[in-house]
Amino acid sequence: MSFDTTGFLALLRREILRFLRRPRNTFLPPFITNVLYFSVFGVILGERIDQIAGVPYILFILPGLVVLGAISNAFENTSFNIFHGRWNRYIEEVLTSPLSYRTMVGAYVLAAAVRGAVVGILIALIGAFFTSVGVVRPLYLVAFGVVITVLFAGLGVVAGLWADDFDDLTMLNQFILRPLVFFGGVFYSLNELPGTVQQVSLLNPMIYMVNGVRYGFLGVSEVDPNASLAVLSGLAVVVVGLDIVLFRRGYGLSE
């Protein structure tokens, strides 16, 4: 079935308006949370830690906080919207429309990626009130921003189809996603870890996302940004492809 541009834009608009119409739920929590992060970790601890890899500590943690906010919101948007649509059965309106499955998935994923990107930009702007923020490699920053938000928007689709209740989604976000980010080099340098712990840390995919975005902002990375971008791009393509397959098979969509 061909790609329906009109239907895609209509569904995309609906999904974007869904979070724009509720700014207190979408933007206020990350605003408050990141003001606290920058105040406590950046200002208070930053006065004691000073620099990491030649970068002021508050500036060092900023890319990681941007990643945390961006991927959390991208994941939350698709997972909760799809689960809520299943729960209240209004997702059937989309499923019975003449839209192709790739059109449906594309709209859900892109809308969530937009939300993640907007929250990531908001966090960067918050950081600018605490320190001088620059972008050394803008193309890398944009590339990593697109890839990681699309990747986690796609993972959110899988979670939204899999979950049996809202507690499942909360568990995934709070007890799996966020801890992985915190242990992904947001607040510390890999070079400060013992050899064995450092090697184990490299198994955490968040290491590559945080360092990729850090490379975009600061031009500093502890892993190869090109290899990281290539692997993450491949994962994003695979996950979105999986989303389309799951929609086509009706996984989680039928009683």
Protein backbone atom coordinates (compact mmCIF):
# COMPACT_ATOMS: atom_id res chain seq x y z
CA MET A 1 0.00 0.00 0.00
CA SER A 2 1.36 3.43 -0.91
CA PHE A 3 2.26 6.05 1.65
CA ASP A 4 -0.72 8.32 2.33
CA THR A 5 0.73 11.81 2.85
CA THR A 6 -2.61 13.44 3.71
CA GLY A 7 -3.52 10.77 6.24
CA PHE A 8 -0.01 10.82 7.67
CA LEU A 9 -0.12 14.59 8.23
CA ALA A 10 -3.59 14.39 9.77
CA LEU A 11 -2.56 11.70 12.27
CA LEU A 12 0.74 13.46 12.94
CA ARG A 13 -1.09 16.71 13.66
CA ARG A 14 -3.46 14.97 16.05
CA GLU A 15 -0.61 13.33 17.97
CA ILE A 16 1.40 16.57 18.21
CA LEU A 17 -1.62 18.58 19.36
CA ARG A 18 -2.23 15.92 22.00
CA PHE A 19 0.87 16.95 23.96
CA LEU A 20 0.89 20.63 22.99
CA ARG A 21 -2.57 21.11 24.46
CA ARG A 22 -1.36 19.88 27.85
CA PRO A 23 1.80 21.96 28.48
CA ARG A 24 1.57 21.49 32.26
CA ASN A 25 1.91 17.75 31.77
CA THR A 26 4.39 17.90 28.89
CA PHE A 27 6.78 20.73 29.69
CA LEU A 28 6.39 21.72 33.35
CA PRO A 29 7.72 18.45 34.90
CA PRO A 30 10.99 18.40 32.87
CA PHE A 31 11.39 22.13 33.49
CA ILE A 32 11.19 21.75 37.27
CA THR A 33 13.23 18.55 37.35
CA ASN A 34 16.07 19.97 35.29
CA VAL A 35 16.21 23.24 37.21
CA LEU A 36 16.82 21.04 40.26
CA TYR A 37 19.41 18.92 38.42
CA PHE A 38 21.38 21.95 37.28
CA SER A 39 21.09 23.61 40.68
CA VAL A 40 22.19 20.62 42.74
CA PHE A 41 24.55 18.73 40.43
CA GLY A 42 25.75 21.59 38.29
CA VAL A 43 26.08 24.55 40.65
CA ILE A 44 26.59 22.97 44.09
CA LEU A 45 28.65 19.91 43.09
CA GLY A 46 30.21 21.75 40.17
CA GLU A 47 31.98 24.10 42.56
CA ARG A 48 33.74 21.09 44.09
CA ILE A 49 34.31 18.88 41.04
CA ASP A 50 35.41 21.78 38.82
CA GLN A 51 36.22 20.09 35.46
CA ILE A 52 35.96 16.73 33.72
CA ALA A 53 37.93 16.15 30.50
CA GLY A 54 38.78 19.84 30.52
CA VAL A 55 35.09 20.82 30.55
CA PRO A 56 33.32 22.61 33.43
CA TYR A 57 31.25 20.04 35.30
CA ILE A 58 27.90 21.80 34.81
CA LEU A 59 28.55 21.86 31.05
CA PHE A 60 29.71 18.25 31.09
CA ILE A 61 26.39 16.99 32.52
CA LEU A 62 24.16 19.09 30.24
CA PRO A 63 24.21 16.70 27.21
CA GLY A 64 23.27 13.76 29.42
CA LEU A 65 20.33 15.63 30.89
CA VAL A 66 19.23 16.57 27.37
CA VAL A 67 19.37 12.89 26.38
CA LEU A 68 17.43 11.83 29.47
CA GLY A 69 14.64 14.32 28.83
CA ALA A 70 14.47 13.71 25.08
CA ILE A 71 14.32 9.91 25.12
CA SER A 72 12.05 9.72 28.18
CA ASN A 73 9.48 11.97 26.55
CA ALA A 74 9.74 10.28 23.15
CA PHE A 75 9.25 6.88 24.80
CA GLU A 76 6.44 8.09 27.03
CA ASN A 77 4.54 9.74 24.19
CA THR A 78 4.15 6.66 22.01
CA SER A 79 3.87 4.11 24.82
CA PHE A 80 1.14 5.93 26.75
CA ASN A 81 -0.74 7.16 23.68
CA ILE A 82 -0.93 3.72 22.09
CA PHE A 83 -1.76 1.99 25.35
CA HIS A 84 -4.40 4.62 26.15
CA GLY A 85 -5.85 4.16 22.66
CA ARG A 86 -6.01 0.39 23.24
CA TRP A 87 -7.49 0.85 26.71
CA ASN A 88 -10.25 3.19 25.54
CA ARG A 89 -10.56 1.50 22.13
CA TYR A 90 -10.24 4.68 20.07
CA ILE A 91 -7.15 3.30 18.36
CA GLU A 92 -9.63 1.28 16.31
CA GLU A 93 -10.50 4.48 14.46
CA VAL A 94 -6.93 4.58 13.14
CA LEU A 95 -6.77 0.85 12.46
CA THR A 96 -9.97 0.86 10.40
CA SER A 97 -8.90 3.88 8.35
CA PRO A 98 -7.41 3.42 4.87
CA LEU A 99 -3.96 4.34 6.20
CA SER A 100 -1.16 1.84 5.66
CA TYR A 101 0.60 0.43 8.70
CA ARG A 102 3.81 2.25 7.90
CA THR A 103 1.83 5.50 7.69
CA MET A 104 0.33 4.89 11.13
CA VAL A 105 3.66 3.97 12.69
CA GLY A 106 5.42 6.86 10.96
CA ALA A 107 2.98 9.39 12.39
CA TYR A 108 3.13 7.99 15.92
CA VAL A 109 6.92 7.79 15.90
CA LEU A 110 7.52 11.22 14.36
CA ALA A 111 5.11 12.96 16.74
CA ALA A 112 6.88 11.37 19.71
CA ALA A 113 10.28 12.30 18.28
CA VAL A 114 9.10 15.91 17.96
CA ARG A 115 8.06 15.91 21.61
CA GLY A 116 11.42 14.46 22.64
CA ALA A 117 13.29 17.05 20.56
CA VAL A 118 11.26 19.95 21.98
CA VAL A 119 11.89 18.80 25.55
CA GLY A 120 15.60 18.33 24.77
CA ILE A 121 15.79 21.91 23.44
CA LEU A 122 13.93 23.15 26.53
CA ILE A 123 16.50 21.47 28.79
CA ALA A 124 19.37 22.99 26.80
CA LEU A 125 17.77 26.43 27.23
CA ILE A 126 17.44 25.83 30.96
CA GLY A 127 21.13 24.93 31.05
CA ALA A 128 21.92 28.21 29.28
CA PHE A 129 20.66 30.08 32.38
CA PHE A 130 23.28 28.29 34.48
CA THR A 131 26.27 28.22 32.12
CA SER A 132 27.44 29.25 28.67
CA VAL A 133 26.13 26.66 26.19
CA GLY A 134 27.58 26.30 22.71
CA VAL A 135 27.26 23.81 19.88
CA VAL A 136 30.64 22.78 18.48
CA ARG A 137 29.39 20.20 15.97
CA PRO A 138 25.77 21.03 15.07
CA LEU A 139 25.38 18.33 12.39
CA TYR A 140 26.34 15.60 14.86
CA LEU A 141 24.02 17.08 17.46
CA VAL A 142 21.07 17.11 15.07
CA ALA A 143 21.89 13.61 13.77
CA PHE A 144 22.13 12.08 17.24
CA GLY A 145 19.05 13.99 18.38
CA VAL A 146 16.97 12.62 15.50
CA VAL A 147 18.25 9.07 15.83
CA ILE A 148 17.81 8.67 19.59
CA THR A 149 14.34 10.23 19.68
CA VAL A 150 13.16 8.09 16.76
CA LEU A 151 14.70 5.01 18.39
CA PHE A 152 12.93 5.53 21.70
CA ALA A 153 9.70 6.59 20.07
CA GLY A 154 9.84 3.25 18.24
CA LEU A 155 10.57 1.40 21.48
CA GLY A 156 7.60 3.21 23.01
CA VAL A 157 5.35 1.73 20.32
CA VAL A 158 6.51 -1.77 21.30
CA ALA A 159 5.92 -1.00 24.98
CA GLY A 160 2.46 0.46 24.29
CA LEU A 161 1.44 -2.69 22.44
CA TRP A 162 2.96 -5.04 25.03
CA ALA A 163 1.79 -3.44 28.28
CA ASP A 164 -1.19 -4.89 30.14
CA ASP A 165 -1.66 -1.85 32.38
CA PHE A 166 -0.20 1.59 33.06
CA ASP A 167 2.05 0.19 35.80
CA ASP A 168 3.98 -1.74 33.15
CA LEU A 169 4.78 1.49 31.31
CA THR A 170 5.74 3.33 34.49
CA MET A 171 8.02 0.46 35.46
CA LEU A 172 9.79 0.52 32.09
CA ASN A 173 10.38 4.27 32.23
CA GLN A 174 11.27 4.67 35.89
CA PHE A 175 13.10 1.43 36.71
CA ILE A 176 14.81 0.55 33.42
CA LEU A 177 15.14 3.57 31.14
CA ARG A 178 16.17 6.22 33.68
CA PRO A 179 18.70 4.05 35.58
CA LEU A 180 20.37 3.10 32.30
CA VAL A 181 20.76 6.80 31.48
CA PHE A 182 22.13 7.67 34.92
CA PHE A 183 24.71 4.88 34.54
CA GLY A 184 25.39 6.04 30.99
CA GLY A 185 28.06 8.59 31.83
CA VAL A 186 25.79 11.55 32.50
CA PHE A 187 27.45 12.61 35.76
CA TYR A 188 30.88 11.03 35.41
CA SER A 189 33.62 10.23 32.92
CA LEU A 190 34.27 6.66 31.81
CA ASN A 191 37.98 7.28 32.32
CA GLU A 192 37.38 7.63 36.05
CA LEU A 193 36.05 4.07 36.34
CA PRO A 194 38.20 1.00 37.11
CA GLY A 195 39.13 -1.05 34.04
CA THR A 196 36.61 -3.87 34.51
CA VAL A 197 33.76 -1.54 35.40
CA GLN A 198 34.61 0.63 32.41
CA GLN A 199 34.42 -2.35 30.04
CA VAL A 200 31.08 -3.45 31.51
CA SER A 201 29.76 0.11 31.17
CA LEU A 202 30.39 -0.07 27.43
CA LEU A 203 27.56 -2.61 27.22
CA ASN A 204 25.13 0.15 28.20
CA PRO A 205 23.76 1.69 24.96
CA MET A 206 23.14 4.97 26.77
CA ILE A 207 26.91 5.51 26.90
CA TYR A 208 26.93 5.99 23.14
CA MET A 209 23.88 8.26 23.10
CA VAL A 210 25.15 10.53 25.87
CA ASN A 211 28.63 10.74 24.37
CA GLY A 212 27.21 11.35 20.91
CA VAL A 213 25.15 14.32 22.07
CA ARG A 214 28.08 15.51 24.18
CA TYR A 215 30.23 15.42 21.06
CA GLY A 216 27.67 17.60 19.30
CA PHE A 217 27.63 20.17 22.10
CA LEU A 218 31.27 20.12 23.23
CA GLY A 219 33.28 18.27 20.60
CA VAL A 220 34.31 15.81 23.33
CA SER A 221 33.51 12.09 23.33
CA GLU A 222 34.92 9.01 25.05
CA VAL A 223 33.70 6.69 22.28
CA ASP A 224 33.84 6.92 18.49
CA PRO A 225 30.89 9.17 17.51
CA ASN A 226 30.76 7.89 13.94
CA ALA A 227 30.52 4.25 15.00
CA SER A 228 27.96 5.16 17.65
CA LEU A 229 25.82 7.04 15.15
CA ALA A 230 25.96 4.18 12.64
CA VAL A 231 24.94 1.54 15.21
CA LEU A 232 22.17 3.68 16.73
CA SER A 233 20.82 4.51 13.26
CA GLY A 234 20.69 0.81 12.43
CA LEU A 235 18.86 0.09 15.69
CA ALA A 236 16.34 2.85 14.96
CA VAL A 237 15.59 1.38 11.52
CA VAL A 238 15.18 -2.11 12.99
CA VAL A 239 12.89 -0.96 15.80
CA VAL A 240 10.63 1.08 13.49
CA GLY A 241 10.50 -1.89 11.12
CA LEU A 242 9.48 -4.07 14.09
CA ASP A 243 6.72 -1.57 14.92
CA ILE A 244 5.29 -1.90 11.42
CA VAL A 245 5.39 -5.70 11.61
CA LEU A 246 3.63 -5.69 14.99
CA PHE A 247 0.90 -3.37 13.69
CA ARG A 248 0.45 -5.52 10.61
CA ARG A 249 0.06 -8.66 12.74
CA GLY A 250 -2.26 -6.91 15.16
CA TYR A 251 -0.04 -7.64 18.17
CA GLY A 252 -1.71 -6.18 21.24
CA LEU A 253 -4.37 -4.55 19.07
CA SER A 254 -6.95 -7.29 19.08
CA GLU A 255 -8.70 -9.02 21.95
